[in-house]
PDB file of N, CA and C in Angstrom:
ATOM      1  N   MET A   1      93.984 110.101 -34.294  1.00  0.00           N
ATOM      2  CA  MET A   1      94.138 111.549 -33.513  1.00  0.00           C
ATOM      3  C   MET A   1      94.973 112.197 -34.413  1.00  0.00           C
ATOM      4  N   THR A   2      95.350 113.608 -33.941  1.00  0.00           N
ATOM      5  CA  THR A   2      95.492 114.265 -35.270  1.00  0.00           C
ATOM      6  C   THR A   2      96.957 115.520 -34.458  1.00  0.00           C
ATOM      7  N   GLU A   3      97.898 116.332 -35.286  1.00  0.00           N
ATOM      8  CA  GLU A   3      98.938 116.950 -35.150  1.00  0.00           C
ATOM      9  C   GLU A   3      97.820 117.801 -33.928  1.00  0.00           C
ATOM     10  N   THR A   4      97.021 118.246 -33.651  1.00  0.00           N
ATOM     11  CA  THR A   4      97.074 118.744 -32.935  1.00  0.00           C
ATOM     12  C   THR A   4      95.987 118.351 -31.271  1.00  0.00           C
ATOM     13  N   ASP A   5      95.903 116.919 -30.976  1.00  0.00           N
ATOM     14  CA  ASP A   5      95.566 116.251 -30.741  1.00  0.00           C
ATOM     15  C   ASP A   5      96.634 116.587 -29.078  1.00  0.00           C
ATOM     16  N   ILE A   6      96.428 116.739 -27.809  1.00  0.00           N
ATOM     17  CA  ILE A   6      97.806 117.014 -26.519  1.00  0.00           C
ATOM     18  C   ILE A   6      96.813 115.460 -25.638  1.00  0.00           C
ATOM     19  N   VAL A   7      98.132 114.754 -25.350  1.00  0.00           N
ATOM     20  CA  VAL A   7      97.690 113.541 -24.393  1.00  0.00           C
ATOM     21  C   VAL A   7      98.734 113.747 -23.855  1.00  0.00           C
ATOM     22  N   ILE A   8      98.019 113.727 -22.519  1.00  0.00           N
ATOM     23  CA  ILE A   8      98.621 113.807 -21.040  1.00  0.00           C
ATOM     24  C   ILE A   8      98.700 112.708 -19.750  1.00  0.00           C
ATOM     25  N   ASP A   9     100.074 112.015 -20.182  1.00  0.00           N
ATOM     26  CA  ASP A   9      99.591 110.727 -19.540  1.00  0.00           C
ATOM     27  C   ASP A   9      99.890 110.456 -18.056  1.00  0.00           C
ATOM     28  N   GLU A  10     100.652 112.306 -17.348  1.00  0.00           N
ATOM     29  CA  GLU A  10     100.542 112.740 -16.541  1.00  0.00           C
ATOM     30  C   GLU A  10      99.651 112.281 -15.440  1.00  0.00           C
ATOM     31  N   LYS A  11      99.905 112.040 -14.128  1.00  0.00           N
ATOM     32  CA  LYS A  11      98.658 112.836 -12.424  1.00  0.00           C
ATOM     33  C   LYS A  11      99.567 113.796 -12.482  1.00  0.00           C
ATOM     34  N   ILE A  12      98.533 114.446 -11.316  1.00  0.00           N
ATOM     35  CA  ILE A  12      99.315 116.342 -10.759  1.00  0.00           C
ATOM     36  C   ILE A  12      98.765 115.514  -9.366  1.00  0.00           C
ATOM     37  N   ASP A  13      99.096 115.888  -8.666  1.00  0.00           N
ATOM     38  CA  ASP A  13      99.052 115.403  -7.409  1.00  0.00           C
ATOM     39  C   ASP A  13      98.554 116.980  -6.505  1.00  0.00           C
ATOM     40  N   GLU A  14      97.467 117.003  -6.259  1.00  0.00           N
ATOM     41  CA  GLU A  14      97.214 118.923  -5.975  1.00  0.00           C
ATOM     42  C   GLU A  14      96.354 118.436  -3.836  1.00  0.00           C
ATOM     43  N   ILE A  15      98.276 118.840  -3.454  1.00  0.00           N
ATOM     44  CA  ILE A  15      98.305 119.154  -2.725  1.00  0.00           C
ATOM     45  C   ILE A  15      98.173 120.656  -1.740  1.00  0.00           C
ATOM     46  N   VAL A  16      96.863 120.477  -0.694  1.00  0.00           N
ATOM     47  CA  VAL A  16      96.622 121.093  -0.551  1.00  0.00           C
ATOM     48  C   VAL A  16      97.102 122.015   0.858  1.00  0.00           C
ATOM     49  N   LEU A  17      98.397 122.773   1.857  1.00  0.00           N
ATOM     50  CA  LEU A  17      97.733 122.895   2.359  1.00  0.00           C
ATOM     51  C   LEU A  17      97.152 124.085   3.530  1.00  0.00           C
ATOM     52  N   GLU A  18      97.094 123.122   4.956  1.00  0.00           N
ATOM     53  CA  GLU A  18      95.924 124.474   5.261  1.00  0.00           C
ATOM     54  C   GLU A  18      96.607 125.700   6.180  1.00  0.00           C
ATOM     55  N   PRO A  19      96.624 126.607   6.383  1.00  0.00           N
ATOM     56  CA  PRO A  19      97.715 127.556   6.364  1.00  0.00           C
ATOM     57  C   PRO A  19      97.643 127.753   7.611  1.00  0.00           C
ATOM     58  N   PRO A  20      99.067 128.344   8.437  1.00  0.00           N
ATOM     59  CA  PRO A  20      99.247 127.823   9.949  1.00  0.00           C
ATOM     60  C   PRO A  20      98.378 128.780  10.718  1.00  0.00           C
ATOM     61  N   ARG A  21      98.023 128.358  11.748  1.00  0.00           N
ATOM     62  CA  ARG A  21      97.080 129.037  13.091  1.00  0.00           C
ATOM     63  C   ARG A  21      98.116 130.043  13.680  1.00  0.00           C
ATOM     64  N   TYR A  22      97.381 131.042  14.261  1.00  0.00           N
ATOM     65  CA  TYR A  22      98.618 131.930  15.248  1.00  0.00           C
ATOM     66  C   TYR A  22      97.886 131.865  16.607  1.00  0.00           C
ATOM     67  N   LYS A  23      98.197 132.060  17.830  1.00  0.00           N
ATOM     68  CA  LYS A  23      97.748 132.339  19.470  1.00  0.00           C
ATOM     69  C   LYS A  23      97.741 133.179  19.111  1.00  0.00           C
ATOM     70  N   VAL A  24      96.441 133.717  20.076  1.00  0.00           N
ATOM     71  CA  VAL A  24      96.845 135.540  20.829  1.00  0.00           C
ATOM     72  C   VAL A  24      96.815 135.484  22.112  1.00  0.00           C
ATOM     73  N   VAL A  25      98.204 135.429  22.500  1.00  0.00           N
ATOM     74  CA  VAL A  25      98.047 135.847  24.061  1.00  0.00           C
ATOM     75  C   VAL A  25      98.534 137.048  24.862  1.00  0.00           C
ATOM     76  N   LEU A  26      98.381 136.841  26.049  1.00  0.00           N
ATOM     77  CA  LEU A  26      97.798 138.915  26.461  1.00  0.00           C
ATOM     78  C   LEU A  26      98.127 138.015  27.615  1.00  0.00           C
ATOM     79  N   LEU A  27      99.736 139.296  27.574  1.00  0.00           N
ATOM     80  CA  LEU A  27     100.704 138.960  28.624  1.00  0.00           C
ATOM     81  C   LEU A  27     100.328 139.928  30.274  1.00  0.00           C
ATOM     82  N   ASN A  28     100.773 140.003  31.351  1.00  0.00           N
ATOM     83  CA  ASN A  28     100.176 140.081  32.536  1.00  0.00           C
ATOM     84  C   ASN A  28     101.513 141.351  32.297  1.00  0.00           C
ATOM     85  N   ASP A  29     100.722 142.698  32.979  1.00  0.00           N
ATOM     86  CA  ASP A  29     101.442 143.564  33.935  1.00  0.00           C
ATOM     87  C   ASP A  29     100.802 143.794  35.028  1.00  0.00           C
ATOM     88  N   GLU A  30     101.426 145.103  34.875  1.00  0.00           N
ATOM     89  CA  GLU A  30     101.359 145.358  37.089  1.00  0.00           C
ATOM     90  C   GLU A  30     100.067 146.879  36.761  1.00  0.00           C
ATOM     91  N   THR A  31      99.093 146.992  35.428  1.00  0.00           N
ATOM     92  CA  THR A  31      98.802 148.819  34.751  1.00  0.00           C
ATOM     93  C   THR A  31      96.939 148.211  34.633  1.00  0.00           C
ATOM     94  N   THR A  32      97.123 147.653  34.285  1.00  0.00           N
ATOM     95  CA  THR A  32      95.489 146.989  33.401  1.00  0.00           C
ATOM     96  C   THR A  32      95.229 146.334  34.113  1.00  0.00           C
ATOM     97  N   PRO A  33      93.737 146.692  34.741  1.00  0.00           N
ATOM     98  CA  PRO A  33      92.684 146.027  35.326  1.00  0.00           C
ATOM     99  C   PRO A  33      92.542 144.768  34.895  1.00  0.00           C
ATOM    100  N   MET A  34      91.964 143.935  35.769  1.00  0.00           N
ATOM    101  CA  MET A  34      91.337 142.603  35.355  1.00  0.00           C
ATOM    102  C   MET A  34      89.999 143.147  34.793  1.00  0.00           C
ATOM    103  N   GLU A  35      89.397 143.785  34.582  1.00  0.00           N
ATOM    104  CA  GLU A  35      87.778 144.658  35.055  1.00  0.00           C
ATOM    105  C   GLU A  35      88.069 144.860  33.292  1.00  0.00           C
ATOM    106  N   TRP A  36      89.173 145.148  32.854  1.00  0.00           N
ATOM    107  CA  TRP A  36      89.026 145.536  31.355  1.00  0.00           C
ATOM    108  C   TRP A  36      89.989 144.490  31.196  1.00  0.00           C
ATOM    109  N   VAL A  37      90.738 143.314  31.613  1.00  0.00           N
ATOM    110  CA  VAL A  37      91.810 142.603  29.857  1.00  0.00           C
ATOM    111  C   VAL A  37      89.664 142.055  30.258  1.00  0.00           C
ATOM    112  N   ILE A  38      89.126 141.714  30.643  1.00  0.00           N
ATOM    113  CA  ILE A  38      88.283 140.777  31.368  1.00  0.00           C
ATOM    114  C   ILE A  38      86.806 141.287  29.785  1.00  0.00           C
ATOM    115  N   GLU A  39      86.604 142.662  30.049  1.00  0.00           N
ATOM    116  CA  GLU A  39      85.598 143.328  29.029  1.00  0.00           C
ATOM    117  C   GLU A  39      87.441 142.402  26.995  1.00  0.00           C
ATOM    118  N   VAL A  40      87.555 142.904  27.461  1.00  0.00           N
ATOM    119  CA  VAL A  40      89.055 142.637  25.995  1.00  0.00           C
ATOM    120  C   VAL A  40      88.794 141.619  25.412  1.00  0.00           C
ATOM    121  N   LEU A  41      88.042 140.355  26.542  1.00  0.00           N
ATOM    122  CA  LEU A  41      88.442 139.278  26.260  1.00  0.00           C
ATOM    123  C   LEU A  41      86.231 138.467  25.568  1.00  0.00           C
ATOM    124  N   VAL A  42      85.575 139.316  26.262  1.00  0.00           N
ATOM    125  CA  VAL A  42      84.665 139.499  26.420  1.00  0.00           C
ATOM    126  C   VAL A  42      83.806 139.762  24.733  1.00  0.00           C
ATOM    127  N   SER A  43      84.332 141.469  24.841  1.00  0.00           N
ATOM    128  CA  SER A  43      84.261 142.051  23.619  1.00  0.00           C
ATOM    129  C   SER A  43      84.773 141.742  21.970  1.00  0.00           C
ATOM    130  N   ILE A  44      85.902 141.602  22.115  1.00  0.00           N
ATOM    131  CA  ILE A  44      86.916 141.654  21.573  1.00  0.00           C
ATOM    132  C   ILE A  44      87.006 140.051  21.158  1.00  0.00           C
ATOM    133  N   PHE A  45      87.287 139.582  21.874  1.00  0.00           N
ATOM    134  CA  PHE A  45      88.178 137.772  22.008  1.00  0.00           C
ATOM    135  C   PHE A  45      86.539 136.763  21.184  1.00  0.00           C
ATOM    136  N   LYS A  46      85.410 138.362  22.003  1.00  0.00           N
ATOM    137  CA  LYS A  46      83.442 136.920  22.127  1.00  0.00           C
ATOM    138  C   LYS A  46      83.840 135.836  22.784  1.00  0.00           C
ATOM    139  N   HIS A  47      84.441 135.902  24.380  1.00  0.00           N
ATOM    140  CA  HIS A  47      84.305 134.779  26.038  1.00  0.00           C
ATOM    141  C   HIS A  47      82.760 134.937  25.419  1.00  0.00           C
ATOM    142  N   SER A  48      83.380 134.013  26.648  1.00  0.00           N
ATOM    143  CA  SER A  48      81.861 133.957  27.656  1.00  0.00           C
ATOM    144  C   SER A  48      82.459 135.139  29.301  1.00  0.00           C
ATOM    145  N   GLU A  49      81.440 135.894  30.110  1.00  0.00           N
ATOM    146  CA  GLU A  49      82.258 136.294  30.907  1.00  0.00           C
ATOM    147  C   GLU A  49      83.047 134.898  32.141  1.00  0.00           C
ATOM    148  N   THR A  50      81.982 134.456  32.061  1.00  0.00           N
ATOM    149  CA  THR A  50      83.172 132.924  32.193  1.00  0.00           C
ATOM    150  C   THR A  50      83.918 132.271  32.490  1.00  0.00           C
ATOM    151  N   THR A  51      84.602 132.417  30.823  1.00  0.00           N
ATOM    152  CA  THR A  51      85.711 131.619  30.695  1.00  0.00           C
ATOM    153  C   THR A  51      86.145 133.099  30.290  1.00  0.00           C
ATOM    154  N   ALA A  52      86.058 134.547  30.121  1.00  0.00           N
ATOM    155  CA  ALA A  52      87.263 135.250  30.240  1.00  0.00           C
ATOM    156  C   ALA A  52      87.092 135.190  30.967  1.00  0.00           C
ATOM    157  N   LYS A  53      86.894 135.340  32.647  1.00  0.00           N
ATOM    158  CA  LYS A  53      87.129 135.590  34.061  1.00  0.00           C
ATOM    159  C   LYS A  53      88.594 134.254  34.143  1.00  0.00           C
ATOM    160  N   GLU A  54      88.132 133.524  33.371  1.00  0.00           N
ATOM    161  CA  GLU A  54      89.493 132.510  34.296  1.00  0.00           C
ATOM    162  C   GLU A  54      90.816 132.719  33.254  1.00  0.00           C
ATOM    163  N   ILE A  55      89.918 133.190  32.037  1.00  0.00           N
ATOM    164  CA  ILE A  55      91.668 133.495  30.967  1.00  0.00           C
ATOM    165  C   ILE A  55      92.374 134.340  31.825  1.00  0.00           C
ATOM    166  N   THR A  56      91.353 135.048  32.918  1.00  0.00           N
ATOM    167  CA  THR A  56      91.936 136.828  32.908  1.00  0.00           C
ATOM    168  C   THR A  56      92.713 136.254  34.276  1.00  0.00           C
ATOM    169  N   LEU A  57      92.019 135.386  35.232  1.00  0.00           N
ATOM    170  CA  LEU A  57      92.964 134.544  36.222  1.00  0.00           C
ATOM    171  C   LEU A  57      94.257 133.743  36.118  1.00  0.00           C
ATOM    172  N   ALA A  58      94.363 133.098  34.856  1.00  0.00           N
ATOM    173  CA  ALA A  58      95.186 132.893  33.894  1.00  0.00           C
ATOM    174  C   ALA A  58      96.637 133.807  34.408  1.00  0.00           C
ATOM    175  N   ILE A  59      96.592 134.829  33.370  1.00  0.00           N
ATOM    176  CA  ILE A  59      97.279 135.842  33.131  1.00  0.00           C
ATOM    177  C   ILE A  59      98.233 136.224  34.575  1.00  0.00           C
ATOM    178  N   HIS A  60      97.322 137.054  35.453  1.00  0.00           N
ATOM    179  CA  HIS A  60      97.445 136.736  36.632  1.00  0.00           C
ATOM    180  C   HIS A  60      98.091 136.410  37.005  1.00  0.00           C
ATOM    181  N   SER A  61      97.585 134.987  37.419  1.00  0.00           N
ATOM    182  CA  SER A  61      98.475 133.852  37.791  1.00  0.00           C
ATOM    183  C   SER A  61      99.922 133.550  37.460  1.00  0.00           C
ATOM    184  N   GLU A  62      99.331 133.006  36.052  1.00  0.00           N
ATOM    185  CA  GLU A  62     100.654 132.667  35.094  1.00  0.00           C
ATOM    186  C   GLU A  62     101.460 133.278  34.430  1.00  0.00           C
ATOM    187  N   GLY A  63     100.629 134.995  34.657  1.00  0.00           N
ATOM    188  CA  GLY A  63     101.868 136.300  33.233  1.00  0.00           C
ATOM    189  C   GLY A  63     101.680 135.741  31.888  1.00  0.00           C
ATOM    190  N   SER A  64     100.296 134.843  31.794  1.00  0.00           N
ATOM    191  CA  SER A  64     100.007 134.996  30.858  1.00  0.00           C
ATOM    192  C   SER A  64      98.542 133.680  30.354  1.00  0.00           C
ATOM    193  N   GLY A  65      98.015 134.779  29.419  1.00  0.00           N
ATOM    194  CA  GLY A  65      97.223 133.497  28.727  1.00  0.00           C
ATOM    195  C   GLY A  65      96.644 133.465  27.167  1.00  0.00           C
ATOM    196  N   LEU A  66      95.823 132.659  27.541  1.00  0.00           N
ATOM    197  CA  LEU A  66      95.280 132.364  25.256  1.00  0.00           C
ATOM    198  C   LEU A  66      93.747 133.320  25.559  1.00  0.00           C
ATOM    199  N   ALA A  67      94.053 134.139  24.837  1.00  0.00           N
ATOM    200  CA  ALA A  67      92.711 134.869  23.750  1.00  0.00           C
ATOM    201  C   ALA A  67      91.737 134.115  22.853  1.00  0.00           C
ATOM    202  N   GLY A  68      92.958 133.074  21.951  1.00  0.00           N
ATOM    203  CA  GLY A  68      91.747 132.022  21.281  1.00  0.00           C
ATOM    204  C   GLY A  68      93.378 131.920  20.241  1.00  0.00           C
ATOM    205  N   ILE A  69      93.279 131.251  19.324  1.00  0.00           N
ATOM    206  CA  ILE A  69      93.998 130.431  17.879  1.00  0.00           C
ATOM    207  C   ILE A  69      92.523 131.274  16.478  1.00  0.00           C
ATOM    208  N   TYR A  70      93.489 132.191  15.846  1.00  0.00           N
ATOM    209  CA  TYR A  70      92.812 131.672  14.613  1.00  0.00           C
ATOM    210  C   TYR A  70      93.742 132.474  13.175  1.00  0.00           C
ATOM    211  N   SER A  71      93.388 132.412  12.405  1.00  0.00           N
ATOM    212  CA  SER A  71      94.652 132.727  11.520  1.00  0.00           C
ATOM    213  C   SER A  71      95.211 133.742  11.753  1.00  0.00           C
ATOM    214  N   TYR A  72      96.019 134.040  11.153  1.00  0.00           N
ATOM    215  CA  TYR A  72      96.852 135.669  10.868  1.00  0.00           C
ATOM    216  C   TYR A  72      96.074 136.679  10.844  1.00  0.00           C
ATOM    217  N   GLU A  73      95.958 136.006   9.458  1.00  0.00           N
ATOM    218  CA  GLU A  73      94.907 138.291   9.800  1.00  0.00           C
ATOM    219  C   GLU A  73      94.023 138.652  10.769  1.00  0.00           C
ATOM    220  N   ILE A  74      93.010 137.143  11.329  1.00  0.00           N
ATOM    221  CA  ILE A  74      91.911 137.408  12.026  1.00  0.00           C
ATOM    222  C   ILE A  74      92.858 137.473  13.445  1.00  0.00           C
ATOM    223  N   ALA A  75      94.079 136.599  13.681  1.00  0.00           N
ATOM    224  CA  ALA A  75      94.874 136.634  15.231  1.00  0.00           C
ATOM    225  C   ALA A  75      95.663 137.990  15.020  1.00  0.00           C
ATOM    226  N   GLU A  76      95.990 138.760  13.651  1.00  0.00           N
ATOM    227  CA  GLU A  76      96.926 140.126  14.280  1.00  0.00           C
ATOM    228  C   GLU A  76      95.477 141.349  13.825  1.00  0.00           C
ATOM    229  N   GLN A  77      93.567 141.342  13.206  1.00  0.00           N
ATOM    230  CA  GLN A  77      93.178 142.547  13.633  1.00  0.00           C
ATOM    231  C   GLN A  77      93.094 142.206  15.006  1.00  0.00           C
ATOM    232  N   ARG A  78      92.722 141.184  15.578  1.00  0.00           N
ATOM    233  CA  ARG A  78      91.799 141.142  17.357  1.00  0.00           C
ATOM    234  C   ARG A  78      92.492 141.873  18.370  1.00  0.00           C
ATOM    235  N   SER A  79      94.129 141.736  18.268  1.00  0.00           N
ATOM    236  CA  SER A  79      95.708 142.035  18.552  1.00  0.00           C
ATOM    237  C   SER A  79      95.542 143.738  18.387  1.00  0.00           C
ATOM    238  N   LEU A  80      95.260 143.834  17.373  1.00  0.00           N
ATOM    239  CA  LEU A  80      95.406 145.163  17.416  1.00  0.00           C
ATOM    240  C   LEU A  80      93.934 145.968  17.936  1.00  0.00           C
ATOM    241  N   GLU A  81      92.748 145.878  17.454  1.00  0.00           N
ATOM    242  CA  GLU A  81      91.572 146.003  18.258  1.00  0.00           C
ATOM    243  C   GLU A  81      92.006 146.279  19.933  1.00  0.00           C
ATOM    244  N   ALA A  82      93.029 145.507  20.137  1.00  0.00           N
ATOM    245  CA  ALA A  82      91.967 145.495  22.222  1.00  0.00           C
ATOM    246  C   ALA A  82      93.407 146.923  21.921  1.00  0.00           C
ATOM    247  N   VAL A  83      94.514 146.111  21.586  1.00  0.00           N
ATOM    248  CA  VAL A  83      95.783 146.776  21.815  1.00  0.00           C
ATOM    249  C   VAL A  83      95.381 148.980  21.491  1.00  0.00           C
ATOM    250  N   SER A  84      95.156 149.178  20.495  1.00  0.00           N
ATOM    251  CA  SER A  84      94.444 150.441  20.438  1.00  0.00           C
ATOM    252  C   SER A  84      93.521 150.891  21.641  1.00  0.00           C
ATOM    253  N   ALA A  85      92.280 149.613  21.755  1.00  0.00           N
ATOM    254  CA  ALA A  85      91.075 150.231  22.941  1.00  0.00           C
ATOM    255  C   ALA A  85      91.614 150.530  24.149  1.00  0.00           C
ATOM    256  N   SER A  86      92.917 149.748  24.671  1.00  0.00           N
ATOM    257  CA  SER A  86      93.461 150.033  25.920  1.00  0.00           C
ATOM    258  C   SER A  86      94.405 151.120  25.517  1.00  0.00           C
ATOM    259  N   ARG A  87      95.402 151.536  25.104  1.00  0.00           N
ATOM    260  CA  ARG A  87      96.073 152.381  24.269  1.00  0.00           C
ATOM    261  C   ARG A  87      95.207 153.557  25.523  1.00  0.00           C
ATOM    262  N   GLU A  88      93.618 153.735  23.864  1.00  0.00           N
ATOM    263  CA  GLU A  88      92.737 154.357  24.173  1.00  0.00           C
ATOM    264  C   GLU A  88      91.819 154.387  25.539  1.00  0.00           C
ATOM    265  N   ARG A  89      92.210 154.081  26.064  1.00  0.00           N
ATOM    266  CA  ARG A  89      92.156 154.665  27.847  1.00  0.00           C
ATOM    267  C   ARG A  89      93.054 153.940  28.726  1.00  0.00           C
ATOM    268  N   GLY A  90      95.022 154.418  28.508  1.00  0.00           N
ATOM    269  CA  GLY A  90      95.916 154.700  29.366  1.00  0.00           C
ATOM    270  C   GLY A  90      95.855 153.338  29.547  1.00  0.00           C
ATOM    271  N   PHE A  91      95.531 152.153  28.897  1.00  0.00           N
ATOM    272  CA  PHE A  91      95.511 150.703  29.652  1.00  0.00           C
ATOM    273  C   PHE A  91      97.793 150.500  28.201  1.00  0.00           C
ATOM    274  N   PRO A  92      98.540 149.763  29.545  1.00  0.00           N
ATOM    275  CA  PRO A  92     100.003 149.574  28.275  1.00  0.00           C
ATOM    276  C   PRO A  92      99.314 147.624  28.339  1.00  0.00           C
ATOM    277  N   LEU A  93      98.705 147.579  27.936  1.00  0.00           N
ATOM    278  CA  LEU A  93      98.070 145.279  27.531  1.00  0.00           C
ATOM    279  C   LEU A  93      99.088 145.080  26.527  1.00  0.00           C
ATOM    280  N   GLN A  94      99.528 143.454  26.244  1.00  0.00           N
ATOM    281  CA  GLN A  94     100.725 143.380  25.701  1.00  0.00           C
ATOM    282  C   GLN A  94      99.924 141.806  25.539  1.00  0.00           C
ATOM    283  N   ILE A  95     100.095 141.976  23.530  1.00  0.00           N
ATOM    284  CA  ILE A  95      99.630 141.124  23.185  1.00  0.00           C
ATOM    285  C   ILE A  95     100.472 140.325  22.106  1.00  0.00           C
ATOM    286  N   LYS A  96     101.016 139.069  22.742  1.00  0.00           N
ATOM    287  CA  LYS A  96     101.603 138.203  21.393  1.00  0.00           C
ATOM    288  C   LYS A  96     101.213 137.922  20.169  1.00  0.00           C
ATOM    289  N   LEU A  97     101.922 137.765  19.032  1.00  0.00           N
ATOM    290  CA  LEU A  97     101.164 136.564  18.768  1.00  0.00           C
ATOM    291  C   LEU A  97     101.952 135.402  18.584  1.00  0.00           C
ATOM    292  N   GLU A  98     102.075 133.915  18.271  1.00  0.00           N
ATOM    293  CA  GLU A  98     102.927 132.852  18.525  1.00  0.00           C
ATOM    294  C   GLU A  98     102.411 132.164  17.562  1.00  0.00           C
ATOM    295  N   GLU A  99     103.096 131.680  16.301  1.00  0.00           N
ATOM    296  CA  GLU A  99     102.922 130.371  15.767  1.00  0.00           C
ATOM    297  C   GLU A  99     101.961 129.173  15.795  1.00  0.00           C
ATOM    298  N   GLU A 100     100.691 128.524  15.640  1.00  0.00           N
ATOM    299  CA  GLU A 100     100.190 127.334  16.944  1.00  0.00           C
ATOM    300  C   GLU A 100     101.685 126.064  16.268  1.00  0.00           C
TER     301      GLU A 100
END
């Protein structure tokens, strides 16, 4: 071995952490029509018509419903898109993000 050779004896354990995922929760209100909520769930959150109707009924009867679970960036983007589209039509749809 020469003076410039470097010997590394230690092992480095690589720990990979999965990024946290976020629930997108739609909240019930007395103004936003159920038809609009279904449209949002189908067009923005990519649910089938049947699943969107089930989620909408849950929102109506239980006060909230799960639109999906995503990485933070996707959850935030879809939430902003849904709220923006709702405001354009005059609906007060509210959405919250919850860490899973």
